[in-house]
Amino acid sequence: MARREENTRKGRSFMAKRNVRTGAADASGAIFSGRAGFDWLANPDVLSGARSTLPPMISRFLFCFFAAVSIAFAATKGPKPAHIAMGAEVAIADYMVAGKTMVFDFTSDYCPPCRVIAPKLDKLHAARADVAVVKVDINRPGVKGIDWKSPVAVQYGMRSIPHFKVYGPDGKLVAEGKAAWPLVQKMLN
């Protein structure tokens, strides 16, 4: 990643990108990085554009520590079901919570059965510590009606919704689609 610096040249102001690792600058905005954008690993201050007053080793340690903590807590069960995708492709494995039965609900605001079951799934998520619900919205922003052509709908081959994928606490797929309905109904009762 490169840091922008205000430079003056021949009385004219222009923006140049300066590579943090090598110090090379280019007025055209080209980035000179041998590590394809990973300069933030060598200098985490690049992300904010700020200069650190801490020694580089401590700054790097703190950056890596907080990055690891945020990753570790990324896949935890929150008070409400996570609402993901909004039509974009998504790797549902990134939202698996270790040791929990996972219910992925592929849904749309334009689906009446989805709207009926949504509050029940919210209650299931809140009531059972061993179950986590994740709502995968197949609609892209601004699309009216059920968005069957959205990247996430195509990615998972959606033909009807609500569509459930249920994973066991071990992370293995237990049931999907029509086979998952009785399992989800049993959890809801």
C-alpha atoms as a PDB file:
ATOM      1  CA  MET A   1       0.000   0.000   0.000  1.00  0.00           C
ATOM      2  CA  ALA A   2       1.240   3.494  -0.602  1.00  0.00           C
ATOM      3  CA  ARG A   3       0.928   6.670   1.407  1.00  0.00           C
ATOM      4  CA  ARG A   4      -0.137   9.905  -0.256  1.00  0.00           C
ATOM      5  CA  GLU A   5       2.013  12.934   0.407  1.00  0.00           C
ATOM      6  CA  GLU A   6       1.471  16.501  -0.661  1.00  0.00           C
ATOM      7  CA  ASN A   7       4.408  17.573  -2.791  1.00  0.00           C
ATOM      8  CA  THR A   8       5.206  20.673  -4.704  1.00  0.00           C
ATOM      9  CA  ARG A   9       6.924  20.677  -8.002  1.00  0.00           C
ATOM     10  CA  LYS A  10       7.591  23.736 -10.126  1.00  0.00           C
ATOM     11  CA  GLY A  11       5.154  25.730  -7.985  1.00  0.00           C
ATOM     12  CA  ARG A  12       2.361  23.233  -8.690  1.00  0.00           C
ATOM     13  CA  SER A  13       0.798  21.014  -6.066  1.00  0.00           C
ATOM     14  CA  PHE A  14       0.229  17.377  -6.937  1.00  0.00           C
ATOM     15  CA  MET A  15      -0.358  14.125  -5.110  1.00  0.00           C
ATOM     16  CA  ALA A  16       2.351  11.489  -5.260  1.00  0.00           C
ATOM     17  CA  LYS A  17       2.261   8.001  -3.879  1.00  0.00           C
ATOM     18  CA  ARG A  18       5.274   7.014  -1.839  1.00  0.00           C
ATOM     19  CA  ASN A  19       6.117   3.398  -1.133  1.00  0.00           C
ATOM     20  CA  VAL A  20       6.662   3.044   2.599  1.00  0.00           C
ATOM     21  CA  ARG A  21       9.162   0.181   2.269  1.00  0.00           C
ATOM     22  CA  THR A  22      11.408   1.609  -0.442  1.00  0.00           C
ATOM     23  CA  GLY A  23      10.652   5.307  -0.289  1.00  0.00           C
ATOM     24  CA  ALA A  24      10.127   5.417  -4.063  1.00  0.00           C
ATOM     25  CA  ALA A  25       7.540   7.932  -5.199  1.00  0.00           C
ATOM     26  CA  ASP A  26       5.619   8.286  -8.412  1.00  0.00           C
ATOM     27  CA  ALA A  27       3.576  11.326  -9.445  1.00  0.00           C
ATOM     28  CA  SER A  28       1.404   9.188 -11.719  1.00  0.00           C
ATOM     29  CA  GLY A  29       0.070   7.274  -8.757  1.00  0.00           C
ATOM     30  CA  ALA A  30       1.726   3.941  -9.582  1.00  0.00           C
ATOM     31  CA  ILE A  31       2.547   1.792  -6.602  1.00  0.00           C
ATOM     32  CA  PHE A  32       6.033   0.317  -6.368  1.00  0.00           C
ATOM     33  CA  SER A  33       5.548  -2.694  -4.123  1.00  0.00           C
ATOM     34  CA  GLY A  34       7.225  -6.028  -4.456  1.00  0.00           C
ATOM     35  CA  ARG A  35       4.736  -7.564  -2.034  1.00  0.00           C
ATOM     36  CA  ALA A  36       1.516  -6.678  -3.832  1.00  0.00           C
ATOM     37  CA  GLY A  37      -0.078  -4.455  -1.237  1.00  0.00           C
ATOM     38  CA  PHE A  38       1.268  -6.067   1.928  1.00  0.00           C
ATOM     39  CA  ASP A  39       3.312  -3.069   3.070  1.00  0.00           C
ATOM     40  CA  TRP A  40       0.950  -2.708   6.024  1.00  0.00           C
ATOM     41  CA  LEU A  41       2.635  -5.786   7.522  1.00  0.00           C
ATOM     42  CA  ALA A  42       5.939  -3.956   7.590  1.00  0.00           C
ATOM     43  CA  ASN A  43       4.405  -0.653   8.651  1.00  0.00           C
ATOM     44  CA  PRO A  44       0.870  -0.783  10.062  1.00  0.00           C
ATOM     45  CA  ASP A  45       0.747   3.025  10.147  1.00  0.00           C
ATOM     46  CA  VAL A  46       0.204   2.923   6.389  1.00  0.00           C
ATOM     47  CA  LEU A  47      -3.420   1.956   6.937  1.00  0.00           C
ATOM     48  CA  SER A  48      -4.274   5.150   8.738  1.00  0.00           C
ATOM     49  CA  GLY A  49      -1.740   7.381   7.058  1.00  0.00           C
ATOM     50  CA  ALA A  50      -0.570   8.489  10.494  1.00  0.00           C
ATOM     51  CA  ARG A  51       2.977   8.447  11.812  1.00  0.00           C
ATOM     52  CA  SER A  52       3.407   6.402  14.985  1.00  0.00           C
ATOM     53  CA  THR A  53       5.228   7.765  18.021  1.00  0.00           C
ATOM     54  CA  LEU A  54       5.778   4.192  19.220  1.00  0.00           C
ATOM     55  CA  PRO A  55       8.884   2.220  18.307  1.00  0.00           C
ATOM     56  CA  PRO A  56       8.229   0.180  15.144  1.00  0.00           C
ATOM     57  CA  MET A  57       8.468  -3.183  16.896  1.00  0.00           C
ATOM     58  CA  ILE A  58       5.847  -2.240  19.510  1.00  0.00           C
ATOM     59  CA  SER A  59       3.634  -0.670  16.872  1.00  0.00           C
ATOM     60  CA  ARG A  60       3.834  -3.846  14.770  1.00  0.00           C
ATOM     61  CA  PHE A  61       3.103  -6.040  17.806  1.00  0.00           C
ATOM     62  CA  LEU A  62       0.041  -4.006  18.795  1.00  0.00           C
ATOM     63  CA  PHE A  63      -1.261  -3.990  15.233  1.00  0.00           C
ATOM     64  CA  CYS A  64      -0.871  -7.775  14.892  1.00  0.00           C
ATOM     65  CA  PHE A  65      -2.346  -8.358  18.354  1.00  0.00           C
ATOM     66  CA  PHE A  66      -5.500  -6.352  17.641  1.00  0.00           C
ATOM     67  CA  ALA A  67      -5.815  -7.866  14.158  1.00  0.00           C
ATOM     68  CA  ALA A  68      -5.642 -11.373  15.675  1.00  0.00           C
ATOM     69  CA  VAL A  69      -8.171 -10.473  18.373  1.00  0.00           C
ATOM     70  CA  SER A  70     -10.612  -9.094  15.801  1.00  0.00           C
ATOM     71  CA  ILE A  71     -10.262 -12.250  13.691  1.00  0.00           C
ATOM     72  CA  ALA A  72     -10.718 -14.490  16.733  1.00  0.00           C
ATOM     73  CA  PHE A  73     -13.957 -12.759  17.675  1.00  0.00           C
ATOM     74  CA  ALA A  74     -15.260 -12.500  14.110  1.00  0.00           C
ATOM     75  CA  ALA A  75     -16.952 -15.912  14.282  1.00  0.00           C
ATOM     76  CA  THR A  76     -18.776 -15.681  17.600  1.00  0.00           C
ATOM     77  CA  LYS A  77     -22.474 -15.791  18.322  1.00  0.00           C
ATOM     78  CA  GLY A  78     -23.905 -12.328  18.837  1.00  0.00           C
ATOM     79  CA  PRO A  79     -27.189 -11.375  20.512  1.00  0.00           C
ATOM     80  CA  LYS A  80     -28.986 -11.314  17.148  1.00  0.00           C
ATOM     81  CA  PRO A  81     -28.464 -13.448  14.043  1.00  0.00           C
ATOM     82  CA  ALA A  82     -25.774 -12.171  11.707  1.00  0.00           C
ATOM     83  CA  HIS A  83     -27.180 -10.666   8.485  1.00  0.00           C
ATOM     84  CA  ILE A  84     -24.718 -11.223   5.640  1.00  0.00           C
ATOM     85  CA  ALA A  85     -24.205 -11.157   1.848  1.00  0.00           C
ATOM     86  CA  MET A  86     -26.777  -8.593   0.614  1.00  0.00           C
ATOM     87  CA  GLY A  87     -26.573 -10.328  -2.750  1.00  0.00           C
ATOM     88  CA  ALA A  88     -22.782 -10.599  -2.935  1.00  0.00           C
ATOM     89  CA  GLU A  89     -20.942 -13.908  -3.017  1.00  0.00           C
ATOM     90  CA  VAL A  90     -20.084 -15.116   0.448  1.00  0.00           C
ATOM     91  CA  ALA A  91     -18.109 -17.972   2.000  1.00  0.00           C
ATOM     92  CA  ILE A  92     -20.440 -19.223   4.714  1.00  0.00           C
ATOM     93  CA  ALA A  93     -17.547 -21.133   6.282  1.00  0.00           C
ATOM     94  CA  ASP A  94     -16.250 -17.745   7.450  1.00  0.00           C
ATOM     95  CA  TYR A  95     -19.366 -17.376   9.624  1.00  0.00           C
ATOM     96  CA  MET A  96     -19.260 -20.795  11.282  1.00  0.00           C
ATOM     97  CA  VAL A  97     -19.136 -20.636  15.086  1.00  0.00           C
ATOM     98  CA  ALA A  98     -17.123 -23.491  16.564  1.00  0.00           C
ATOM     99  CA  GLY A  99     -19.130 -25.887  18.723  1.00  0.00           C
ATOM    100  CA  LYS A 100     -22.531 -24.533  17.628  1.00  0.00           C
ATOM    101  CA  THR A 101     -25.213 -25.966  15.391  1.00  0.00           C
ATOM    102  CA  MET A 102     -25.334 -23.470  12.542  1.00  0.00           C
ATOM    103  CA  VAL A 103     -28.526 -22.595  10.664  1.00  0.00           C
ATOM    104  CA  PHE A 104     -27.913 -20.576   7.504  1.00  0.00           C
ATOM    105  CA  ASP A 105     -31.179 -19.038   6.317  1.00  0.00           C
ATOM    106  CA  PHE A 106     -31.099 -17.877   2.690  1.00  0.00           C
ATOM    107  CA  THR A 107     -33.746 -15.189   2.615  1.00  0.00           C
ATOM    108  CA  SER A 108     -35.139 -12.058   0.966  1.00  0.00           C
ATOM    109  CA  ASP A 109     -37.275  -9.175   2.235  1.00  0.00           C
ATOM    110  CA  TYR A 110     -39.546  -9.813  -0.761  1.00  0.00           C
ATOM    111  CA  CYS A 111     -40.317 -13.405   0.307  1.00  0.00           C
ATOM    112  CA  PRO A 112     -43.525 -13.679   2.418  1.00  0.00           C
ATOM    113  CA  PRO A 113     -42.648 -17.100   3.932  1.00  0.00           C
ATOM    114  CA  CYS A 114     -39.191 -15.727   4.814  1.00  0.00           C
ATOM    115  CA  ARG A 115     -40.769 -12.794   6.652  1.00  0.00           C
ATOM    116  CA  VAL A 116     -43.058 -15.165   8.580  1.00  0.00           C
ATOM    117  CA  ILE A 117     -40.252 -17.448   9.773  1.00  0.00           C
ATOM    118  CA  ALA A 118     -37.708 -14.662  10.480  1.00  0.00           C
ATOM    119  CA  PRO A 119     -38.978 -13.757  13.999  1.00  0.00           C
ATOM    120  CA  LYS A 120     -39.058 -17.448  14.929  1.00  0.00           C
ATOM    121  CA  LEU A 121     -35.435 -17.837  13.839  1.00  0.00           C
ATOM    122  CA  ASP A 122     -34.506 -14.733  15.858  1.00  0.00           C
ATOM    123  CA  LYS A 123     -36.090 -16.324  18.942  1.00  0.00           C
ATOM    124  CA  LEU A 124     -34.304 -19.622  18.264  1.00  0.00           C
ATOM    125  CA  HIS A 125     -30.967 -17.811  18.042  1.00  0.00           C
ATOM    126  CA  ALA A 126     -31.603 -15.958  21.309  1.00  0.00           C
ATOM    127  CA  ALA A 127     -33.095 -18.891  23.242  1.00  0.00           C
ATOM    128  CA  ARG A 128     -30.592 -21.645  22.489  1.00  0.00           C
ATOM    129  CA  ALA A 129     -26.937 -21.272  23.356  1.00  0.00           C
ATOM    130  CA  ASP A 130     -26.032 -24.281  21.205  1.00  0.00           C
ATOM    131  CA  VAL A 131     -27.580 -22.850  18.000  1.00  0.00           C
ATOM    132  CA  ALA A 132     -26.472 -19.866  15.917  1.00  0.00           C
ATOM    133  CA  VAL A 133     -28.537 -18.485  13.044  1.00  0.00           C
ATOM    134  CA  VAL A 134     -27.030 -16.565  10.121  1.00  0.00           C
ATOM    135  CA  LYS A 135     -29.327 -14.838   7.626  1.00  0.00           C
ATOM    136  CA  VAL A 136     -27.951 -14.798   4.088  1.00  0.00           C
ATOM    137  CA  ASP A 137     -29.779 -12.061   2.157  1.00  0.00           C
ATOM    138  CA  ILE A 138     -29.853 -12.968  -1.536  1.00  0.00           C
ATOM    139  CA  ASN A 139     -31.042  -9.516  -2.663  1.00  0.00           C
ATOM    140  CA  ARG A 140     -28.607  -6.929  -3.949  1.00  0.00           C
ATOM    141  CA  PRO A 141     -29.288  -3.374  -2.761  1.00  0.00           C
ATOM    142  CA  GLY A 142     -31.805  -1.591  -4.969  1.00  0.00           C
ATOM    143  CA  VAL A 143     -33.249  -4.729  -6.575  1.00  0.00           C
ATOM    144  CA  LYS A 144     -37.021  -5.016  -6.212  1.00  0.00           C
ATOM    145  CA  GLY A 145     -38.427  -8.521  -5.861  1.00  0.00           C
ATOM    146  CA  ILE A 146     -36.523 -11.702  -5.133  1.00  0.00           C
ATOM    147  CA  ASP A 147     -33.109 -11.414  -6.763  1.00  0.00           C
ATOM    148  CA  TRP A 148     -32.601 -14.886  -8.252  1.00  0.00           C
ATOM    149  CA  LYS A 149     -29.711 -13.623 -10.374  1.00  0.00           C
ATOM    150  CA  SER A 150     -27.667 -12.198  -7.496  1.00  0.00           C
ATOM    151  CA  PRO A 151     -24.140 -13.582  -7.129  1.00  0.00           C
ATOM    152  CA  VAL A 152     -24.955 -15.367  -3.846  1.00  0.00           C
ATOM    153  CA  ALA A 153     -28.152 -16.921  -5.255  1.00  0.00           C
ATOM    154  CA  VAL A 154     -26.214 -18.220  -8.257  1.00  0.00           C
ATOM    155  CA  GLN A 155     -23.277 -19.317  -6.068  1.00  0.00           C
ATOM    156  CA  TYR A 156     -25.497 -21.559  -3.912  1.00  0.00           C
ATOM    157  CA  GLY A 157     -27.978 -22.527  -6.661  1.00  0.00           C
ATOM    158  CA  MET A 158     -31.043 -21.005  -5.028  1.00  0.00           C
ATOM    159  CA  ARG A 159     -34.300 -22.085  -6.638  1.00  0.00           C
ATOM    160  CA  SER A 160     -36.622 -21.465  -3.695  1.00  0.00           C
ATOM    161  CA  ILE A 161     -36.455 -19.610  -0.405  1.00  0.00           C
ATOM    162  CA  PRO A 162     -36.405 -19.778   2.519  1.00  0.00           C
ATOM    163  CA  HIS A 163     -33.598 -22.230   1.981  1.00  0.00           C
ATOM    164  CA  PHE A 164     -31.707 -23.648   4.960  1.00  0.00           C
ATOM    165  CA  LYS A 165     -28.263 -25.147   5.369  1.00  0.00           C
ATOM    166  CA  VAL A 166     -27.790 -26.770   8.779  1.00  0.00           C
ATOM    167  CA  TYR A 167     -24.306 -27.624  10.012  1.00  0.00           C
ATOM    168  CA  GLY A 168     -23.529 -29.647  13.126  1.00  0.00           C
ATOM    169  CA  PRO A 169     -21.241 -28.502  15.948  1.00  0.00           C
ATOM    170  CA  ASP A 170     -18.396 -30.328  14.173  1.00  0.00           C
ATOM    171  CA  GLY A 171     -18.819 -28.074  11.101  1.00  0.00           C
ATOM    172  CA  LYS A 172     -20.179 -30.807   8.823  1.00  0.00           C
ATOM    173  CA  LEU A 173     -23.291 -30.281   6.705  1.00  0.00           C
ATOM    174  CA  VAL A 174     -26.239 -32.073   8.353  1.00  0.00           C
ATOM    175  CA  ALA A 175     -29.075 -31.074   6.021  1.00  0.00           C
ATOM    176  CA  GLU A 176     -29.853 -28.653   3.215  1.00  0.00           C
ATOM    177  CA  GLY A 177     -32.946 -27.417   1.384  1.00  0.00           C
ATOM    178  CA  LYS A 178     -36.080 -29.558   1.787  1.00  0.00           C
ATOM    179  CA  ALA A 179     -34.233 -32.033   4.012  1.00  0.00           C
ATOM    180  CA  ALA A 180     -33.375 -29.211   6.435  1.00  0.00           C
ATOM    181  CA  TRP A 181     -36.992 -28.050   6.901  1.00  0.00           C
ATOM    182  CA  PRO A 182     -38.017 -30.773   9.399  1.00  0.00           C
ATOM    183  CA  LEU A 183     -34.802 -30.226  11.357  1.00  0.00           C
ATOM    184  CA  VAL A 184     -35.381 -26.462  11.558  1.00  0.00           C
ATOM    185  CA  GLN A 185     -39.071 -26.979  12.461  1.00  0.00           C
ATOM    186  CA  LYS A 186     -38.000 -29.339  15.270  1.00  0.00           C
ATOM    187  CA  MET A 187     -35.577 -26.701  16.612  1.00  0.00           C
ATOM    188  CA  LEU A 188     -38.283 -24.018  16.468  1.00  0.00           C
ATOM    189  CA  ASN A 189     -40.729 -26.108  18.563  1.00  0.00           C
END
